[in-house]
Amino acid sequence: MDQLEIFKALSNKTRLEILQWLKEPETHFPVQEEGVCVGLIQKKAGLTQSTISEYLSILQRAGLVEATRVGQWTYYKRNEQAFEKLKELISTTL
């Protein structure tokens, strides 16, 4: 777990919103078994698809989201194990 990458990923309002939306995707998006596609996230955020793709890439590199490719679509879900480790890190180290 690269702490610096995680905290950099969390240092952006839209990336934080994306993580909040993905925490309860059924509340914010039409439910897909694989996760939420970039297009739906982009539409909700109101930013360009390239910006959202970059934000999701940053979150993925930090280990906070997982991507699943199905044909031409990529779906994203939160990596709940990473959030448990982050919670543990904060409570024991910081």
N, C-alpha and C. Protein backbone atom coordinates (compact mmCIF):
# COMPACT_ATOMS: atom_id res chain seq x y z
N MET A 1 0.85 -1.18 0.00
CA MET A 1 0.00 0.00 0.00
C MET A 1 0.89 1.24 0.00
N ASP A 2 0.89 1.98 -1.09
CA ASP A 2 1.69 3.18 -1.21
C ASP A 2 0.89 4.35 -0.64
N GLN A 3 1.26 4.75 0.59
CA GLN A 3 0.51 5.78 1.29
C GLN A 3 0.46 7.09 0.52
N LEU A 4 1.58 7.48 -0.07
CA LEU A 4 1.64 8.74 -0.79
C LEU A 4 0.68 8.73 -1.98
N GLU A 5 0.66 7.63 -2.74
CA GLU A 5 -0.26 7.52 -3.89
C GLU A 5 -1.72 7.61 -3.43
N ILE A 6 -2.02 6.99 -2.33
CA ILE A 6 -3.40 7.00 -1.82
C ILE A 6 -3.81 8.41 -1.43
N PHE A 7 -2.95 9.09 -0.68
CA PHE A 7 -3.33 10.43 -0.23
C PHE A 7 -3.35 11.44 -1.37
N LYS A 8 -2.50 11.24 -2.37
CA LYS A 8 -2.57 12.08 -3.57
C LYS A 8 -3.90 11.85 -4.29
N ALA A 9 -4.31 10.59 -4.40
CA ALA A 9 -5.56 10.26 -5.07
C ALA A 9 -6.76 10.86 -4.34
N LEU A 10 -6.66 10.95 -3.03
CA LEU A 10 -7.76 11.48 -2.22
C LEU A 10 -7.78 13.00 -2.15
N SER A 11 -6.78 13.65 -2.76
CA SER A 11 -6.64 15.11 -2.62
C SER A 11 -7.40 15.91 -3.68
N ASN A 12 -8.40 15.30 -4.30
CA ASN A 12 -9.17 15.96 -5.34
C ASN A 12 -10.66 15.77 -5.05
N LYS A 13 -11.42 16.86 -5.08
CA LYS A 13 -12.84 16.80 -4.73
C LYS A 13 -13.62 15.82 -5.60
N THR A 14 -13.39 15.85 -6.90
CA THR A 14 -14.15 14.96 -7.80
C THR A 14 -13.78 13.50 -7.56
N ARG A 15 -12.50 13.23 -7.35
CA ARG A 15 -12.10 11.84 -7.07
C ARG A 15 -12.75 11.35 -5.77
N LEU A 16 -12.85 12.22 -4.77
CA LEU A 16 -13.54 11.85 -3.54
C LEU A 16 -15.01 11.58 -3.80
N GLU A 17 -15.64 12.40 -4.64
CA GLU A 17 -17.04 12.18 -4.98
C GLU A 17 -17.22 10.84 -5.70
N ILE A 18 -16.32 10.54 -6.62
CA ILE A 18 -16.39 9.26 -7.34
C ILE A 18 -16.35 8.10 -6.35
N LEU A 19 -15.45 8.17 -5.38
CA LEU A 19 -15.35 7.10 -4.37
C LEU A 19 -16.63 7.02 -3.54
N GLN A 20 -17.22 8.17 -3.23
CA GLN A 20 -18.48 8.17 -2.48
C GLN A 20 -19.60 7.55 -3.31
N TRP A 21 -19.66 7.90 -4.59
CA TRP A 21 -20.69 7.33 -5.47
C TRP A 21 -20.52 5.82 -5.60
N LEU A 22 -19.26 5.38 -5.72
CA LEU A 22 -19.01 3.94 -5.88
C LEU A 22 -19.20 3.16 -4.59
N LYS A 23 -19.26 3.86 -3.47
CA LYS A 23 -19.52 3.17 -2.20
C LYS A 23 -20.93 2.59 -2.20
N GLU A 24 -21.89 3.34 -2.77
CA GLU A 24 -23.27 2.88 -2.89
C GLU A 24 -23.72 3.12 -4.33
N PRO A 25 -23.19 2.34 -5.27
CA PRO A 25 -23.47 2.61 -6.68
C PRO A 25 -24.95 2.51 -7.04
N GLU A 26 -25.69 1.65 -6.36
CA GLU A 26 -27.11 1.48 -6.67
C GLU A 26 -27.90 2.76 -6.38
N THR A 27 -27.40 3.62 -5.53
CA THR A 27 -28.05 4.88 -5.20
C THR A 27 -27.80 5.93 -6.28
N HIS A 28 -26.66 5.83 -6.97
CA HIS A 28 -26.23 6.89 -7.88
C HIS A 28 -26.27 6.52 -9.36
N PHE A 29 -26.32 5.22 -9.66
CA PHE A 29 -26.23 4.78 -11.06
C PHE A 29 -27.17 3.60 -11.30
N PRO A 30 -27.52 3.36 -12.58
CA PRO A 30 -28.20 2.10 -12.90
C PRO A 30 -27.26 0.94 -12.52
N VAL A 31 -27.77 -0.05 -11.83
CA VAL A 31 -26.92 -1.12 -11.31
C VAL A 31 -26.43 -2.03 -12.44
N GLN A 32 -25.13 -2.24 -12.46
CA GLN A 32 -24.48 -3.19 -13.36
C GLN A 32 -23.70 -4.16 -12.48
N GLU A 33 -23.79 -5.42 -12.78
CA GLU A 33 -23.09 -6.42 -11.98
C GLU A 33 -21.59 -6.19 -11.97
N GLU A 34 -21.05 -5.76 -13.11
CA GLU A 34 -19.60 -5.59 -13.25
C GLU A 34 -19.08 -4.36 -12.54
N GLY A 35 -19.93 -3.38 -12.29
CA GLY A 35 -19.52 -2.11 -11.70
C GLY A 35 -20.19 -0.97 -12.44
N VAL A 36 -19.54 0.18 -12.46
CA VAL A 36 -20.08 1.37 -13.10
C VAL A 36 -19.16 1.78 -14.24
N CYS A 37 -19.73 2.04 -15.41
CA CYS A 37 -18.90 2.39 -16.56
C CYS A 37 -18.50 3.87 -16.50
N VAL A 38 -17.42 4.18 -17.18
CA VAL A 38 -16.85 5.53 -17.21
C VAL A 38 -17.90 6.55 -17.65
N GLY A 39 -18.69 6.20 -18.66
CA GLY A 39 -19.68 7.13 -19.19
C GLY A 39 -20.69 7.60 -18.16
N LEU A 40 -21.14 6.70 -17.30
CA LEU A 40 -22.09 7.09 -16.26
C LEU A 40 -21.44 7.99 -15.22
N ILE A 41 -20.20 7.67 -14.86
CA ILE A 41 -19.47 8.51 -13.90
C ILE A 41 -19.23 9.89 -14.50
N GLN A 42 -18.85 9.91 -15.76
CA GLN A 42 -18.57 11.16 -16.47
C GLN A 42 -19.83 12.03 -16.52
N LYS A 43 -20.95 11.42 -16.82
CA LYS A 43 -22.21 12.16 -16.92
C LYS A 43 -22.58 12.77 -15.57
N LYS A 44 -22.43 12.00 -14.50
CA LYS A 44 -22.78 12.49 -13.16
C LYS A 44 -21.82 13.59 -12.71
N ALA A 45 -20.55 13.46 -13.04
CA ALA A 45 -19.55 14.45 -12.62
C ALA A 45 -19.63 15.73 -13.46
N GLY A 46 -20.11 15.60 -14.69
CA GLY A 46 -20.19 16.76 -15.56
C GLY A 46 -18.84 17.22 -16.10
N LEU A 47 -17.88 16.31 -16.16
CA LEU A 47 -16.56 16.62 -16.69
C LEU A 47 -16.34 15.80 -17.97
N THR A 48 -15.26 16.08 -18.68
CA THR A 48 -14.99 15.34 -19.91
C THR A 48 -14.65 13.90 -19.59
N GLN A 49 -14.88 13.04 -20.57
CA GLN A 49 -14.56 11.63 -20.37
C GLN A 49 -13.07 11.42 -20.15
N SER A 50 -12.23 12.20 -20.83
CA SER A 50 -10.78 12.05 -20.64
C SER A 50 -10.37 12.42 -19.22
N THR A 51 -11.00 13.43 -18.65
CA THR A 51 -10.68 13.82 -17.26
C THR A 51 -11.10 12.72 -16.30
N ILE A 52 -12.31 12.21 -16.48
CA ILE A 52 -12.80 11.14 -15.59
C ILE A 52 -11.94 9.89 -15.75
N SER A 53 -11.55 9.56 -16.98
CA SER A 53 -10.69 8.40 -17.19
C SER A 53 -9.36 8.57 -16.47
N GLU A 54 -8.80 9.77 -16.51
CA GLU A 54 -7.55 10.04 -15.80
C GLU A 54 -7.75 9.92 -14.29
N TYR A 55 -8.85 10.46 -13.78
CA TYR A 55 -9.13 10.35 -12.35
C TYR A 55 -9.29 8.89 -11.92
N LEU A 56 -9.99 8.12 -12.73
CA LEU A 56 -10.16 6.70 -12.40
C LEU A 56 -8.83 5.96 -12.47
N SER A 57 -7.98 6.34 -13.40
CA SER A 57 -6.66 5.73 -13.51
C SER A 57 -5.83 6.03 -12.25
N ILE A 58 -5.91 7.25 -11.75
CA ILE A 58 -5.20 7.62 -10.52
C ILE A 58 -5.73 6.81 -9.34
N LEU A 59 -7.05 6.68 -9.25
CA LEU A 59 -7.65 5.89 -8.16
C LEU A 59 -7.28 4.42 -8.27
N GLN A 60 -7.17 3.93 -9.51
CA GLN A 60 -6.80 2.52 -9.72
C GLN A 60 -5.33 2.30 -9.34
N ARG A 61 -4.44 3.20 -9.75
CA ARG A 61 -3.02 3.07 -9.38
C ARG A 61 -2.83 3.09 -7.87
N ALA A 62 -3.67 3.85 -7.18
CA ALA A 62 -3.60 3.92 -5.73
C ALA A 62 -4.23 2.69 -5.07
N GLY A 63 -4.89 1.85 -5.88
CA GLY A 63 -5.51 0.63 -5.37
C GLY A 63 -6.89 0.83 -4.78
N LEU A 64 -7.47 2.02 -4.96
CA LEU A 64 -8.77 2.32 -4.35
C LEU A 64 -9.95 1.85 -5.17
N VAL A 65 -9.75 1.66 -6.48
CA VAL A 65 -10.80 1.10 -7.34
C VAL A 65 -10.22 -0.03 -8.17
N GLU A 66 -11.10 -0.91 -8.60
CA GLU A 66 -10.73 -2.02 -9.47
C GLU A 66 -11.49 -1.88 -10.77
N ALA A 67 -10.83 -2.21 -11.86
CA ALA A 67 -11.44 -2.12 -13.18
C ALA A 67 -11.66 -3.51 -13.76
N THR A 68 -12.80 -3.68 -14.42
CA THR A 68 -13.11 -4.92 -15.13
C THR A 68 -13.46 -4.54 -16.57
N ARG A 69 -12.77 -5.16 -17.50
CA ARG A 69 -13.00 -4.88 -18.92
C ARG A 69 -13.98 -5.93 -19.47
N VAL A 70 -15.06 -5.46 -20.09
CA VAL A 70 -16.04 -6.34 -20.73
C VAL A 70 -16.26 -5.79 -22.13
N GLY A 71 -15.67 -6.46 -23.13
CA GLY A 71 -15.75 -5.96 -24.50
C GLY A 71 -15.07 -4.61 -24.59
N GLN A 72 -15.80 -3.63 -25.10
CA GLN A 72 -15.23 -2.30 -25.24
C GLN A 72 -15.43 -1.43 -24.00
N TRP A 73 -16.13 -1.93 -23.00
CA TRP A 73 -16.46 -1.15 -21.81
C TRP A 73 -15.56 -1.52 -20.64
N THR A 74 -15.25 -0.54 -19.82
CA THR A 74 -14.53 -0.76 -18.58
C THR A 74 -15.43 -0.33 -17.43
N TYR A 75 -15.58 -1.20 -16.47
CA TYR A 75 -16.43 -0.96 -15.31
C TYR A 75 -15.57 -0.82 -14.06
N TYR A 76 -15.99 0.05 -13.16
CA TYR A 76 -15.22 0.33 -11.95
C TYR A 76 -16.03 0.03 -10.70
N LYS A 77 -15.31 -0.50 -9.70
CA LYS A 77 -15.85 -0.76 -8.37
C LYS A 77 -14.82 -0.30 -7.35
N ARG A 78 -15.28 0.03 -6.17
CA ARG A 78 -14.34 0.33 -5.08
C ARG A 78 -13.66 -0.95 -4.64
N ASN A 79 -12.42 -0.82 -4.23
CA ASN A 79 -11.67 -1.93 -3.65
C ASN A 79 -11.83 -1.82 -2.14
N GLU A 80 -12.82 -2.48 -1.61
CA GLU A 80 -13.15 -2.35 -0.19
C GLU A 80 -12.02 -2.83 0.72
N GLN A 81 -11.22 -3.79 0.27
CA GLN A 81 -10.07 -4.24 1.06
C GLN A 81 -9.07 -3.11 1.26
N ALA A 82 -8.88 -2.29 0.23
CA ALA A 82 -7.96 -1.16 0.33
C ALA A 82 -8.47 -0.15 1.37
N PHE A 83 -9.78 0.03 1.44
CA PHE A 83 -10.33 0.97 2.42
C PHE A 83 -10.18 0.44 3.84
N GLU A 84 -10.28 -0.88 4.00
CA GLU A 84 -10.05 -1.47 5.33
C GLU A 84 -8.59 -1.27 5.75
N LYS A 85 -7.66 -1.48 4.81
CA LYS A 85 -6.24 -1.27 5.11
C LYS A 85 -5.96 0.20 5.42
N LEU A 86 -6.60 1.09 4.68
CA LEU A 86 -6.43 2.52 4.91
C LEU A 86 -6.95 2.91 6.29
N LYS A 87 -8.11 2.37 6.65
CA LYS A 87 -8.67 2.64 7.97
C LYS A 87 -7.72 2.16 9.07
N GLU A 88 -7.16 0.99 8.87
CA GLU A 88 -6.20 0.43 9.83
C GLU A 88 -4.93 1.30 9.91
N LEU A 89 -4.43 1.72 8.75
CA LEU A 89 -3.25 2.58 8.70
C LEU A 89 -3.48 3.88 9.49
N ILE A 90 -4.63 4.50 9.25
CA ILE A 90 -4.93 5.77 9.92
C ILE A 90 -5.06 5.57 11.43
N SER A 91 -5.73 4.50 11.82
CA SER A 91 -5.96 4.31 13.26
C SER A 91 -4.70 3.87 14.01
N THR A 92 -3.77 3.21 13.34
CA THR A 92 -2.57 2.73 14.04
C THR A 92 -1.33 3.59 13.84
N THR A 93 -1.25 4.28 12.69
CA THR A 93 -0.02 4.98 12.36
C THR A 93 -0.15 6.49 12.42
N LEU A 94 -1.24 7.01 11.96
CA LEU A 94 -1.37 8.48 11.86
C LEU A 94 -2.11 9.08 13.05
